[in-house]
Amino acid sequence: MLVKPERLAGVLARPAPPGFFIVWGDEPLQRTECVDAIRAAARAAGVDERLVFDAAVGIDWAVVEAEAGSLSLFATKRLLEIHLGGKKPDKQGAATLKALASRQGDDVWLLTADALGRDEQQSEWYRAIDAHGAVVPCRPFEAQAFHEWLAARAAARGRQLSPEALEILALRAEGNLLAAAQEIDKLVLLVDTPTVAADQVLAAVADSSRYDPFKLVDAALAGDVPRTIRMLRGLRAEGSEPVLLSWLVNRELRLLTRLAEAANPDAQFAAERVWQSRQPLLRRALGRLCAEALARLLRDSLRVDMLVKGAALGQPWDELESLYVAFAGGPWLGELASERRAR
């Protein structure tokens, strides 16, 4: 049977879980956690002997067959693991796996493999495991599924991510579950509130950096062009993701646009839940940037966002710097653009 990684715990908790598992795929965190869960369930069921056959050092399938037919000297149940890695079973191995999948007994079999192609998934040994055991494919998530995984991962650790916090984490990890898991673990340590907001994520991100992305936006809001350029170039040197910086400036521009269009700015500040400490900075930016300038900057930010995501051609960091300088209201923006065109 096909089992999604997030459903594996339920399968393992059944009174009579399958006796044969195959965990495969090119998503390392899911694969590792699924294997660990199977081992833990086996230990809880009284399995205290483990045998490993690894293709990296060579598998003698005759020995595997012999072990399948033998009894343990020390325990009534065993966990027998076969690690294929990137290799595929030969003819004898395929026949052995097909036979083992349908074998009844107290032993638990665990087969792991890297990405399996269409031929392997249509093979007799794979179909036998699917029919008699559990097949757990671990593949990278699509965008929406990745967001759902992030939210569930945080919830399992007692934290709820706000929509914006979720978006920032998704941008930072870019589908890398291991990096995302590390970021969530870091947030659990640094944030002691049940709900994690975008500003808290940005603060946690900046905790390991010399330059703070959130303070970069504050510098632009304050109209401090030299500091804005210095911080942006520092973040670039530290290896910050341009996607995150693009999203951050776009968020501030959308907020400023809504504030500028509001009939009652004070009420809009309350509706947007803007902290009192940030309101003077935003009011200063509103006094410096008219509605037309904000509309132009917002259009430019959408174009830059496409650039940094690879959906358009250009120099992402140069365009990002131009956008931040324009946001800060730099008087030499035209000179800067002319200089770049002349390069």
C-alpha atoms as a PDB file:
ATOM      1  CA  MET A   1       0.000   0.000   0.000  1.00  0.00           C
ATOM      2  CA  LEU A   2       1.093   3.528  -0.695  1.00  0.00           C
ATOM      3  CA  VAL A   3       1.743   5.531   2.482  1.00  0.00           C
ATOM      4  CA  LYS A   4       2.536   9.245   2.523  1.00  0.00           C
ATOM      5  CA  PRO A   5       5.321  10.163   4.979  1.00  0.00           C
ATOM      6  CA  GLU A   6       2.933  12.192   7.126  1.00  0.00           C
ATOM      7  CA  ARG A   7       0.612   9.147   7.389  1.00  0.00           C
ATOM      8  CA  LEU A   8       3.311   6.671   8.365  1.00  0.00           C
ATOM      9  CA  ALA A   9       2.862   7.165  12.118  1.00  0.00           C
ATOM     10  CA  GLY A  10      -0.759   6.070  11.844  1.00  0.00           C
ATOM     11  CA  VAL A  11       0.196   2.930   9.923  1.00  0.00           C
ATOM     12  CA  LEU A  12       2.880   2.037  12.471  1.00  0.00           C
ATOM     13  CA  ALA A  13       0.380   2.480  15.322  1.00  0.00           C
ATOM     14  CA  ARG A  14      -1.968  -0.184  13.942  1.00  0.00           C
ATOM     15  CA  PRO A  15      -2.340  -3.429  15.929  1.00  0.00           C
ATOM     16  CA  ALA A  16      -0.840  -5.343  12.988  1.00  0.00           C
ATOM     17  CA  PRO A  17       1.419  -3.056  10.927  1.00  0.00           C
ATOM     18  CA  PRO A  18       2.992  -4.322   7.683  1.00  0.00           C
ATOM     19  CA  GLY A  19       6.050  -6.535   7.901  1.00  0.00           C
ATOM     20  CA  PHE A  20       7.837  -5.008   4.917  1.00  0.00           C
ATOM     21  CA  PHE A  21       8.539  -1.329   4.256  1.00  0.00           C
ATOM     22  CA  ILE A  22      10.259   0.442   1.404  1.00  0.00           C
ATOM     23  CA  VAL A  23      11.244   4.049   2.021  1.00  0.00           C
ATOM     24  CA  TRP A  24      12.589   5.736  -1.070  1.00  0.00           C
ATOM     25  CA  GLY A  25      12.964   9.137  -2.667  1.00  0.00           C
ATOM     26  CA  ASP A  26      15.303  12.082  -3.035  1.00  0.00           C
ATOM     27  CA  GLU A  27      13.996  14.111  -0.058  1.00  0.00           C
ATOM     28  CA  PRO A  28      16.582  13.320   2.646  1.00  0.00           C
ATOM     29  CA  LEU A  29      14.822  14.679   5.743  1.00  0.00           C
ATOM     30  CA  GLN A  30      11.586  12.791   5.103  1.00  0.00           C
ATOM     31  CA  ARG A  31      13.486   9.620   4.296  1.00  0.00           C
ATOM     32  CA  THR A  32      15.584   9.825   7.456  1.00  0.00           C
ATOM     33  CA  GLU A  33      12.613  10.565   9.700  1.00  0.00           C
ATOM     34  CA  CYS A  34      10.518   7.766   8.176  1.00  0.00           C
ATOM     35  CA  VAL A  35      13.334   5.258   8.689  1.00  0.00           C
ATOM     36  CA  ASP A  36      13.793   6.439  12.282  1.00  0.00           C
ATOM     37  CA  ALA A  37      10.044   6.075  12.903  1.00  0.00           C
ATOM     38  CA  ILE A  38      10.043   2.486  11.593  1.00  0.00           C
ATOM     39  CA  ARG A  39      13.024   1.592  13.768  1.00  0.00           C
ATOM     40  CA  ALA A  40      11.392   3.148  16.832  1.00  0.00           C
ATOM     41  CA  ALA A  41       8.146   1.274  16.192  1.00  0.00           C
ATOM     42  CA  ALA A  42      10.077  -1.977  15.815  1.00  0.00           C
ATOM     43  CA  ARG A  43      11.849  -1.421  19.143  1.00  0.00           C
ATOM     44  CA  ALA A  44       8.529  -0.645  20.820  1.00  0.00           C
ATOM     45  CA  ALA A  45       7.169  -3.939  19.444  1.00  0.00           C
ATOM     46  CA  GLY A  46       9.979  -5.909  21.070  1.00  0.00           C
ATOM     47  CA  VAL A  47      12.464  -6.062  18.205  1.00  0.00           C
ATOM     48  CA  ASP A  48      15.945  -5.861  19.695  1.00  0.00           C
ATOM     49  CA  GLU A  49      18.110  -7.372  16.967  1.00  0.00           C
ATOM     50  CA  ARG A  50      19.012  -5.499  13.802  1.00  0.00           C
ATOM     51  CA  LEU A  51      20.811  -6.739  10.694  1.00  0.00           C
ATOM     52  CA  VAL A  52      21.939  -4.412   7.900  1.00  0.00           C
ATOM     53  CA  PHE A  53      22.776  -5.222   4.269  1.00  0.00           C
ATOM     54  CA  ASP A  54      24.280  -2.264   2.430  1.00  0.00           C
ATOM     55  CA  ALA A  55      24.738  -2.044  -1.335  1.00  0.00           C
ATOM     56  CA  ALA A  56      27.592   0.412  -0.760  1.00  0.00           C
ATOM     57  CA  VAL A  57      29.773  -2.504   0.398  1.00  0.00           C
ATOM     58  CA  GLY A  58      27.984  -5.130  -1.661  1.00  0.00           C
ATOM     59  CA  ILE A  59      24.959  -7.320  -0.945  1.00  0.00           C
ATOM     60  CA  ASP A  60      25.161 -11.094  -1.160  1.00  0.00           C
ATOM     61  CA  TRP A  61      21.537 -11.929  -1.893  1.00  0.00           C
ATOM     62  CA  ALA A  62      22.129 -15.576  -1.019  1.00  0.00           C
ATOM     63  CA  VAL A  63      23.000 -14.441   2.515  1.00  0.00           C
ATOM     64  CA  VAL A  64      19.860 -12.320   2.620  1.00  0.00           C
ATOM     65  CA  GLU A  65      17.775 -15.347   1.625  1.00  0.00           C
ATOM     66  CA  ALA A  66      19.510 -17.477   4.252  1.00  0.00           C
ATOM     67  CA  GLU A  67      18.844 -14.905   6.968  1.00  0.00           C
ATOM     68  CA  ALA A  68      15.197 -14.743   5.938  1.00  0.00           C
ATOM     69  CA  GLY A  69      14.887 -18.469   6.526  1.00  0.00           C
ATOM     70  CA  SER A  70      16.820 -18.587   9.785  1.00  0.00           C
ATOM     71  CA  LEU A  71      15.759 -17.932  13.349  1.00  0.00           C
ATOM     72  CA  SER A  72      17.381 -15.393  15.607  1.00  0.00           C
ATOM     73  CA  LEU A  73      19.616 -16.732  18.360  1.00  0.00           C
ATOM     74  CA  PHE A  74      18.831 -13.835  20.674  1.00  0.00           C
ATOM     75  CA  ALA A  75      15.306 -12.626  19.945  1.00  0.00           C
ATOM     76  CA  THR A  76      12.019 -13.738  18.487  1.00  0.00           C
ATOM     77  CA  LYS A  77      11.795 -10.665  16.228  1.00  0.00           C
ATOM     78  CA  ARG A  78      14.408  -8.978  14.079  1.00  0.00           C
ATOM     79  CA  LEU A  79      14.666  -5.827  12.007  1.00  0.00           C
ATOM     80  CA  LEU A  80      16.447  -6.584   8.746  1.00  0.00           C
ATOM     81  CA  GLU A  81      17.467  -3.558   6.692  1.00  0.00           C
ATOM     82  CA  ILE A  82      18.516  -3.501   3.052  1.00  0.00           C
ATOM     83  CA  HIS A  83      20.018  -0.202   1.892  1.00  0.00           C
ATOM     84  CA  LEU A  84      20.198   0.088  -1.882  1.00  0.00           C
ATOM     85  CA  GLY A  85      21.274   3.732  -2.071  1.00  0.00           C
ATOM     86  CA  GLY A  86      21.487   4.682  -5.722  1.00  0.00           C
ATOM     87  CA  LYS A  87      21.914   1.094  -6.905  1.00  0.00           C
ATOM     88  CA  LYS A  88      19.232  -1.226  -8.286  1.00  0.00           C
ATOM     89  CA  PRO A  89      18.790  -4.893  -7.343  1.00  0.00           C
ATOM     90  CA  ASP A  90      20.154  -7.381  -9.882  1.00  0.00           C
ATOM     91  CA  LYS A  91      18.120 -10.352 -11.136  1.00  0.00           C
ATOM     92  CA  GLN A  92      18.752 -12.401  -7.993  1.00  0.00           C
ATOM     93  CA  GLY A  93      18.086  -9.411  -5.776  1.00  0.00           C
ATOM     94  CA  ALA A  94      14.799  -8.662  -7.525  1.00  0.00           C
ATOM     95  CA  ALA A  95      13.666 -12.262  -7.071  1.00  0.00           C
ATOM     96  CA  THR A  96      14.676 -12.209  -3.403  1.00  0.00           C
ATOM     97  CA  LEU A  97      12.810  -8.975  -2.712  1.00  0.00           C
ATOM     98  CA  LYS A  98       9.688 -10.293  -4.437  1.00  0.00           C
ATOM     99  CA  ALA A  99       9.755 -13.425  -2.271  1.00  0.00           C
ATOM    100  CA  LEU A 100      10.472 -11.541   0.961  1.00  0.00           C
ATOM    101  CA  ALA A 101       7.591  -9.122   0.422  1.00  0.00           C
ATOM    102  CA  SER A 102       5.002 -11.879   0.634  1.00  0.00           C
ATOM    103  CA  ARG A 103       6.702 -13.893   3.395  1.00  0.00           C
ATOM    104  CA  GLN A 104       4.788 -14.167   6.664  1.00  0.00           C
ATOM    105  CA  GLY A 105       6.723 -14.019   9.903  1.00  0.00           C
ATOM    106  CA  ASP A 106       7.697 -11.963  12.935  1.00  0.00           C
ATOM    107  CA  ASP A 107      10.650 -10.225  11.288  1.00  0.00           C
ATOM    108  CA  VAL A 108      10.352  -6.647  10.041  1.00  0.00           C
ATOM    109  CA  TRP A 109      12.007  -5.798   6.728  1.00  0.00           C
ATOM    110  CA  LEU A 110      13.056  -2.286   5.777  1.00  0.00           C
ATOM    111  CA  LEU A 111      14.283  -1.471   2.284  1.00  0.00           C
ATOM    112  CA  THR A 112      15.650   2.012   1.543  1.00  0.00           C
ATOM    113  CA  ALA A 113      16.578   3.494  -1.819  1.00  0.00           C
ATOM    114  CA  ASP A 114      17.260   6.782  -3.510  1.00  0.00           C
ATOM    115  CA  ALA A 115      15.028   7.964  -6.336  1.00  0.00           C
ATOM    116  CA  LEU A 116      13.453   5.052  -8.216  1.00  0.00           C
ATOM    117  CA  GLY A 117      12.602   5.437 -11.882  1.00  0.00           C
ATOM    118  CA  ARG A 118       9.505   4.303 -13.735  1.00  0.00           C
ATOM    119  CA  ASP A 119      11.041   0.906 -14.577  1.00  0.00           C
ATOM    120  CA  GLU A 120      11.735   0.103 -10.923  1.00  0.00           C
ATOM    121  CA  GLN A 121       8.266   1.248  -9.852  1.00  0.00           C
ATOM    122  CA  GLN A 122       6.722  -1.097 -12.420  1.00  0.00           C
ATOM    123  CA  SER A 123       8.955  -4.042 -11.527  1.00  0.00           C
ATOM    124  CA  GLU A 124       7.558  -7.213  -9.973  1.00  0.00           C
ATOM    125  CA  TRP A 125       9.535  -6.805  -6.752  1.00  0.00           C
ATOM    126  CA  TYR A 126       8.246  -3.237  -6.240  1.00  0.00           C
ATOM    127  CA  ARG A 127       4.652  -4.251  -6.952  1.00  0.00           C
ATOM    128  CA  ALA A 128       5.012  -7.170  -4.520  1.00  0.00           C
ATOM    129  CA  ILE A 129       6.061  -4.798  -1.739  1.00  0.00           C
ATOM    130  CA  ASP A 130       3.190  -2.479  -2.655  1.00  0.00           C
ATOM    131  CA  ALA A 131       0.733  -5.397  -2.457  1.00  0.00           C
ATOM    132  CA  HIS A 132       1.945  -6.956   0.791  1.00  0.00           C
ATOM    133  CA  GLY A 133       3.777  -4.167   2.610  1.00  0.00           C
ATOM    134  CA  ALA A 134       4.046  -0.384   2.734  1.00  0.00           C
ATOM    135  CA  VAL A 135       5.621   1.866   0.114  1.00  0.00           C
ATOM    136  CA  VAL A 136       6.674   5.276   1.462  1.00  0.00           C
ATOM    137  CA  PRO A 137       7.837   7.669  -1.300  1.00  0.00           C
ATOM    138  CA  CYS A 138       9.707  10.757  -0.069  1.00  0.00           C
ATOM    139  CA  ARG A 139       9.625  13.400  -2.781  1.00  0.00           C
ATOM    140  CA  PRO A 140      10.149  17.178  -2.702  1.00  0.00           C
ATOM    141  CA  PHE A 141       6.950  19.136  -2.106  1.00  0.00           C
ATOM    142  CA  GLU A 142       5.168  21.419  -4.523  1.00  0.00           C
ATOM    143  CA  ALA A 143       4.661  25.002  -3.334  1.00  0.00           C
ATOM    144  CA  GLN A 144       1.288  24.621  -1.558  1.00  0.00           C
ATOM    145  CA  ALA A 145       2.199  21.273  -0.017  1.00  0.00           C
ATOM    146  CA  PHE A 146       5.446  22.785   1.267  1.00  0.00           C
ATOM    147  CA  HIS A 147       3.526  25.594   2.983  1.00  0.00           C
ATOM    148  CA  GLU A 148       1.213  23.022   4.590  1.00  0.00           C
ATOM    149  CA  TRP A 149       4.191  20.981   5.757  1.00  0.00           C
ATOM    150  CA  LEU A 150       5.796  24.056   7.324  1.00  0.00           C
ATOM    151  CA  ALA A 151       2.592  24.942   9.180  1.00  0.00           C
ATOM    152  CA  ALA A 152       2.145  21.359  10.418  1.00  0.00           C
ATOM    153  CA  ARG A 153       5.796  21.104  11.462  1.00  0.00           C
ATOM    154  CA  ALA A 154       5.564  24.302  13.489  1.00  0.00           C
ATOM    155  CA  ALA A 155       2.229  23.244  15.019  1.00  0.00           C
ATOM    156  CA  ALA A 156       3.739  19.935  16.126  1.00  0.00           C
ATOM    157  CA  ARG A 157       6.301  21.983  18.062  1.00  0.00           C
ATOM    158  CA  GLY A 158       3.739  24.242  19.681  1.00  0.00           C
ATOM    159  CA  ARG A 159       3.971  27.221  17.336  1.00  0.00           C
ATOM    160  CA  GLN A 160       1.483  28.697  14.883  1.00  0.00           C
ATOM    161  CA  LEU A 161       2.958  30.615  11.948  1.00  0.00           C
ATOM    162  CA  SER A 162       1.226  33.737  10.738  1.00  0.00           C
ATOM    163  CA  PRO A 163       0.637  33.823   6.948  1.00  0.00           C
ATOM    164  CA  GLU A 164       3.528  36.253   6.475  1.00  0.00           C
ATOM    165  CA  ALA A 165       5.846  34.258   8.748  1.00  0.00           C
ATOM    166  CA  LEU A 166       4.962  31.167   6.746  1.00  0.00           C
ATOM    167  CA  GLU A 167       5.778  32.950   3.500  1.00  0.00           C
ATOM    168  CA  ILE A 168       9.171  34.115   4.781  1.00  0.00           C
ATOM    169  CA  LEU A 169      10.131  30.598   5.879  1.00  0.00           C
ATOM    170  CA  ALA A 170       9.030  29.183   2.537  1.00  0.00           C
ATOM    171  CA  LEU A 171      11.136  31.758   0.713  1.00  0.00           C
ATOM    172  CA  ARG A 172      14.188  31.086   2.854  1.00  0.00           C
ATOM    173  CA  ALA A 173      14.038  27.304   2.572  1.00  0.00           C
ATOM    174  CA  GLU A 174      12.963  27.137  -1.086  1.00  0.00           C
ATOM    175  CA  GLY A 175      11.632  23.596  -0.688  1.00  0.00           C
ATOM    176  CA  ASN A 176      14.592  22.332   1.354  1.00  0.00           C
ATOM    177  CA  LEU A 177      12.903  20.468   4.217  1.00  0.00           C
ATOM    178  CA  LEU A 178      16.106  20.058   6.222  1.00  0.00           C
ATOM    179  CA  ALA A 179      16.798  23.808   6.159  1.00  0.00           C
ATOM    180  CA  ALA A 180      13.142  24.518   6.968  1.00  0.00           C
ATOM    181  CA  ALA A 181      13.182  22.114   9.917  1.00  0.00           C
ATOM    182  CA  GLN A 182      16.295  23.823  11.300  1.00  0.00           C
ATOM    183  CA  GLU A 183      14.662  27.248  10.970  1.00  0.00           C
ATOM    184  CA  ILE A 184      11.549  26.041  12.824  1.00  0.00           C
ATOM    185  CA  ASP A 185      13.644  24.507  15.599  1.00  0.00           C
ATOM    186  CA  LYS A 186      15.472  27.810  15.902  1.00  0.00           C
ATOM    187  CA  LEU A 187      12.184  29.712  16.159  1.00  0.00           C
ATOM    188  CA  VAL A 188      10.962  27.395  18.910  1.00  0.00           C
ATOM    189  CA  LEU A 189      14.049  28.311  20.933  1.00  0.00           C
ATOM    190  CA  LEU A 190      13.930  32.051  20.244  1.00  0.00           C
ATOM    191  CA  VAL A 191      10.181  32.791  20.211  1.00  0.00           C
ATOM    192  CA  ASP A 192       8.221  32.097  23.384  1.00  0.00           C
ATOM    193  CA  THR A 193       4.784  33.110  22.076  1.00  0.00           C
ATOM    194  CA  PRO A 194       2.332  30.559  20.592  1.00  0.00           C
ATOM    195  CA  THR A 195       1.950  32.546  17.358  1.00  0.00           C
ATOM    196  CA  VAL A 196       5.044  33.465  15.360  1.00  0.00           C
ATOM    197  CA  ALA A 197       4.812  36.744  13.434  1.00  0.00           C
ATOM    198  CA  ALA A 198       6.793  37.856  10.401  1.00  0.00           C
ATOM    199  CA  ASP A 199       8.893  40.305  12.428  1.00  0.00           C
ATOM    200  CA  GLN A 200       9.891  37.528  14.817  1.00  0.00           C
ATOM    201  CA  VAL A 201      10.983  35.333  11.917  1.00  0.00           C
ATOM    202  CA  LEU A 202      13.027  38.185  10.491  1.00  0.00           C
ATOM    203  CA  ALA A 203      14.591  38.819  13.904  1.00  0.00           C
ATOM    204  CA  ALA A 204      15.512  35.133  14.175  1.00  0.00           C
ATOM    205  CA  VAL A 205      16.964  35.197  10.686  1.00  0.00           C
ATOM    206  CA  ALA A 206      19.041  38.238  11.562  1.00  0.00           C
ATOM    207  CA  ASP A 207      20.225  36.648  14.814  1.00  0.00           C
ATOM    208  CA  SER A 208      22.997  34.800  12.977  1.00  0.00           C
ATOM    209  CA  SER A 209      23.843  37.666  10.629  1.00  0.00           C
ATOM    210  CA  ARG A 210      25.873  40.809  11.047  1.00  0.00           C
ATOM    211  CA  TYR A 211      23.273  42.724   9.041  1.00  0.00           C
ATOM    212  CA  ASP A 212      19.571  42.624   9.842  1.00  0.00           C
ATOM    213  CA  PRO A 213      17.130  42.496   6.860  1.00  0.00           C
ATOM    214  CA  PHE A 214      14.455  44.190   8.949  1.00  0.00           C
ATOM    215  CA  LYS A 215      16.771  47.086   9.830  1.00  0.00           C
ATOM    216  CA  LEU A 216      17.579  47.403   6.120  1.00  0.00           C
ATOM    217  CA  VAL A 217      13.931  48.216   5.432  1.00  0.00           C
ATOM    218  CA  ASP A 218      13.903  50.625   8.363  1.00  0.00           C
ATOM    219  CA  ALA A 219      16.887  52.443   6.844  1.00  0.00           C
ATOM    220  CA  ALA A 220      15.035  52.770   3.549  1.00  0.00           C
ATOM    221  CA  LEU A 221      11.879  53.964   5.300  1.00  0.00           C
ATOM    222  CA  ALA A 222      13.941  56.575   7.140  1.00  0.00           C
ATOM    223  CA  GLY A 223      15.390  57.832   3.853  1.00  0.00           C
ATOM    224  CA  ASP A 224      18.947  56.956   4.891  1.00  0.00           C
ATOM    225  CA  VAL A 225      20.407  56.081   1.469  1.00  0.00           C
ATOM    226  CA  PRO A 226      24.081  55.513   2.458  1.00  0.00           C
ATOM    227  CA  ARG A 227      23.070  53.157   5.299  1.00  0.00           C
ATOM    228  CA  THR A 228      20.588  51.382   3.024  1.00  0.00           C
ATOM    229  CA  ILE A 229      23.277  50.700   0.413  1.00  0.00           C
ATOM    230  CA  ARG A 230      25.834  49.647   3.025  1.00  0.00           C
ATOM    231  CA  MET A 231      23.430  47.190   4.685  1.00  0.00           C
ATOM    232  CA  LEU A 232      22.182  45.760   1.400  1.00  0.00           C
ATOM    233  CA  ARG A 233      25.715  45.121   0.174  1.00  0.00           C
ATOM    234  CA  GLY A 234      26.602  43.633   3.568  1.00  0.00           C
ATOM    235  CA  LEU A 235      23.666  41.242   3.361  1.00  0.00           C
ATOM    236  CA  ARG A 236      24.724  40.274  -0.136  1.00  0.00           C
ATOM    237  CA  ALA A 237      28.256  39.529   1.079  1.00  0.00           C
ATOM    238  CA  GLU A 238      26.838  37.393   3.896  1.00  0.00           C
ATOM    239  CA  GLY A 239      24.932  35.274   1.389  1.00  0.00           C
ATOM    240  CA  SER A 240      21.422  36.494   2.154  1.00  0.00           C
ATOM    241  CA  GLU A 241      18.688  35.393  -0.214  1.00  0.00           C
ATOM    242  CA  PRO A 242      17.618  38.191  -2.592  1.00  0.00           C
ATOM    243  CA  VAL A 243      14.137  36.642  -2.679  1.00  0.00           C
ATOM    244  CA  LEU A 244      13.676  37.425   1.012  1.00  0.00           C
ATOM    245  CA  LEU A 245      14.863  41.035   0.626  1.00  0.00           C
ATOM    246  CA  SER A 246      12.610  41.490  -2.399  1.00  0.00           C
ATOM    247  CA  TRP A 247       9.596  40.154  -0.524  1.00  0.00           C
ATOM    248  CA  LEU A 248      10.371  42.386   2.427  1.00  0.00           C
ATOM    249  CA  VAL A 249      10.461  45.643   0.475  1.00  0.00           C
ATOM    250  CA  ASN A 250       7.349  44.622  -1.463  1.00  0.00           C
ATOM    251  CA  ARG A 251       5.530  44.028   1.819  1.00  0.00           C
ATOM    252  CA  GLU A 252       6.433  47.481   3.116  1.00  0.00           C
ATOM    253  CA  LEU A 253       5.416  49.149  -0.136  1.00  0.00           C
ATOM    254  CA  ARG A 254       2.031  47.426  -0.107  1.00  0.00           C
ATOM    255  CA  LEU A 255       1.513  48.516   3.501  1.00  0.00           C
ATOM    256  CA  LEU A 256       2.465  52.126   2.693  1.00  0.00           C
ATOM    257  CA  THR A 257       0.126  52.122  -0.310  1.00  0.00           C
ATOM    258  CA  ARG A 258      -2.808  51.000   1.833  1.00  0.00           C
ATOM    259  CA  LEU A 259      -1.974  53.607   4.454  1.00  0.00           C
ATOM    260  CA  ALA A 260      -1.692  56.356   1.815  1.00  0.00           C
ATOM    261  CA  GLU A 261      -5.083  55.447   0.330  1.00  0.00           C
ATOM    262  CA  ALA A 262      -6.873  55.265   3.684  1.00  0.00           C
ATOM    263  CA  ALA A 263      -9.375  57.987   4.543  1.00  0.00           C
ATOM    264  CA  ASN A 264      -8.393  57.699   8.193  1.00  0.00           C
ATOM    265  CA  PRO A 265      -4.678  56.817   8.520  1.00  0.00           C
ATOM    266  CA  ASP A 266      -4.910  56.361  12.304  1.00  0.00           C
ATOM    267  CA  ALA A 267      -7.682  53.796  11.912  1.00  0.00           C
ATOM    268  CA  GLN A 268      -5.710  52.093   9.149  1.00  0.00           C
ATOM    269  CA  PHE A 269      -2.647  51.817  11.378  1.00  0.00           C
ATOM    270  CA  ALA A 270      -4.850  50.084  13.947  1.00  0.00           C
ATOM    271  CA  ALA A 271      -6.409  47.823  11.315  1.00  0.00           C
ATOM    272  CA  GLU A 272      -2.938  46.832  10.052  1.00  0.00           C
ATOM    273  CA  ARG A 273      -1.813  46.180  13.643  1.00  0.00           C
ATOM    274  CA  VAL A 274       1.266  48.354  13.204  1.00  0.00           C
ATOM    275  CA  TRP A 275       3.262  48.689  16.405  1.00  0.00           C
ATOM    276  CA  GLN A 276       3.304  52.149  17.943  1.00  0.00           C
ATOM    277  CA  SER A 277       7.107  52.159  17.805  1.00  0.00           C
ATOM    278  CA  ARG A 278       7.039  51.730  14.000  1.00  0.00           C
ATOM    279  CA  GLN A 279       4.362  54.264  13.208  1.00  0.00           C
ATOM    280  CA  PRO A 280       6.646  57.353  13.223  1.00  0.00           C
ATOM    281  CA  LEU A 281       8.971  55.660  10.711  1.00  0.00           C
ATOM    282  CA  LEU A 282       6.094  54.832   8.380  1.00  0.00           C
ATOM    283  CA  ARG A 283       4.578  58.322   8.736  1.00  0.00           C
ATOM    284  CA  ARG A 284       7.949  59.802   7.810  1.00  0.00           C
ATOM    285  CA  ALA A 285       8.053  57.649   4.668  1.00  0.00           C
ATOM    286  CA  LEU A 286       4.464  58.662   3.798  1.00  0.00           C
ATOM    287  CA  GLY A 287       5.457  62.292   4.092  1.00  0.00           C
ATOM    288  CA  ARG A 288       8.363  61.721   1.696  1.00  0.00           C
ATOM    289  CA  LEU A 289       6.690  59.438  -0.881  1.00  0.00           C
ATOM    290  CA  CYS A 290       3.563  60.572  -2.698  1.00  0.00           C
ATOM    291  CA  ALA A 291       0.908  58.163  -4.008  1.00  0.00           C
ATOM    292  CA  GLU A 292       2.382  58.298  -7.525  1.00  0.00           C
ATOM    293  CA  ALA A 293       5.870  57.461  -6.250  1.00  0.00           C
ATOM    294  CA  LEU A 294       4.524  54.556  -4.198  1.00  0.00           C
ATOM    295  CA  ALA A 295       2.658  53.180  -7.228  1.00  0.00           C
ATOM    296  CA  ARG A 296       5.827  53.337  -9.319  1.00  0.00           C
ATOM    297  CA  LEU A 297       7.906  51.700  -6.601  1.00  0.00           C
ATOM    298  CA  LEU A 298       5.322  48.952  -6.174  1.00  0.00           C
ATOM    299  CA  ARG A 299       5.402  48.228  -9.922  1.00  0.00           C
ATOM    300  CA  ASP A 300       9.205  48.147  -9.810  1.00  0.00           C
ATOM    301  CA  SER A 301       9.149  45.798  -6.822  1.00  0.00           C
ATOM    302  CA  LEU A 302       6.965  43.319  -8.719  1.00  0.00           C
ATOM    303  CA  ARG A 303       9.413  43.383 -11.621  1.00  0.00           C
ATOM    304  CA  VAL A 304      12.372  42.869  -9.275  1.00  0.00           C
ATOM    305  CA  ASP A 305      10.532  40.016  -7.586  1.00  0.00           C
ATOM    306  CA  MET A 306      10.265  38.227 -10.943  1.00  0.00           C
ATOM    307  CA  LEU A 307      13.955  38.870 -11.513  1.00  0.00           C
ATOM    308  CA  VAL A 308      15.189  37.422  -8.236  1.00  0.00           C
ATOM    309  CA  LYS A 309      12.989  34.356  -8.726  1.00  0.00           C
ATOM    310  CA  GLY A 310      14.496  33.715 -12.151  1.00  0.00           C
ATOM    311  CA  ALA A 311      11.291  34.522 -14.056  1.00  0.00           C
ATOM    312  CA  ALA A 312      12.935  37.428 -15.923  1.00  0.00           C
ATOM    313  CA  LEU A 313      16.387  38.290 -17.240  1.00  0.00           C
ATOM    314  CA  GLY A 314      18.630  40.834 -15.559  1.00  0.00           C
ATOM    315  CA  GLN A 315      21.000  41.455 -12.653  1.00  0.00           C
ATOM    316  CA  PRO A 316      18.959  40.689  -9.490  1.00  0.00           C
ATOM    317  CA  TRP A 317      21.241  42.354  -6.943  1.00  0.00           C
ATOM    318  CA  ASP A 318      21.767  45.484  -9.040  1.00  0.00           C
ATOM    319  CA  GLU A 319      18.035  45.878  -9.596  1.00  0.00           C
ATOM    320  CA  LEU A 320      17.335  45.182  -5.934  1.00  0.00           C
ATOM    321  CA  GLU A 321      19.800  47.881  -4.921  1.00  0.00           C
ATOM    322  CA  SER A 322      18.210  50.353  -7.330  1.00  0.00           C
ATOM    323  CA  LEU A 323      14.793  49.583  -5.850  1.00  0.00           C
ATOM    324  CA  TYR A 324      15.978  50.099  -2.271  1.00  0.00           C
ATOM    325  CA  VAL A 325      17.757  53.333  -3.188  1.00  0.00           C
ATOM    326  CA  ALA A 326      14.618  54.628  -4.891  1.00  0.00           C
ATOM    327  CA  PHE A 327      12.573  53.590  -1.851  1.00  0.00           C
ATOM    328  CA  ALA A 328      14.958  55.527   0.371  1.00  0.00           C
ATOM    329  CA  GLY A 329      14.575  58.510  -1.957  1.00  0.00           C
ATOM    330  CA  GLY A 330      18.171  58.745  -3.137  1.00  0.00           C
ATOM    331  CA  PRO A 331      18.777  61.900  -5.199  1.00  0.00           C
ATOM    332  CA  TRP A 332      21.407  60.158  -7.329  1.00  0.00           C
ATOM    333  CA  LEU A 333      19.164  57.281  -8.461  1.00  0.00           C
ATOM    334  CA  GLY A 334      19.270  58.482 -12.069  1.00  0.00           C
ATOM    335  CA  GLU A 335      23.071  58.662 -11.979  1.00  0.00           C
ATOM    336  CA  LEU A 336      23.265  55.168 -10.525  1.00  0.00           C
ATOM    337  CA  ALA A 337      21.059  53.725 -13.259  1.00  0.00           C
ATOM    338  CA  SER A 338      23.046  55.538 -15.966  1.00  0.00           C
ATOM    339  CA  GLU A 339      26.306  54.201 -14.529  1.00  0.00           C
ATOM    340  CA  ARG A 340      25.008  50.618 -14.648  1.00  0.00           C
ATOM    341  CA  ARG A 341      23.788  50.952 -18.222  1.00  0.00           C
ATOM    342  CA  ALA A 342      27.239  52.198 -19.228  1.00  0.00           C
ATOM    343  CA  ARG A 343      29.013  49.133 -17.769  1.00  0.00           C
END
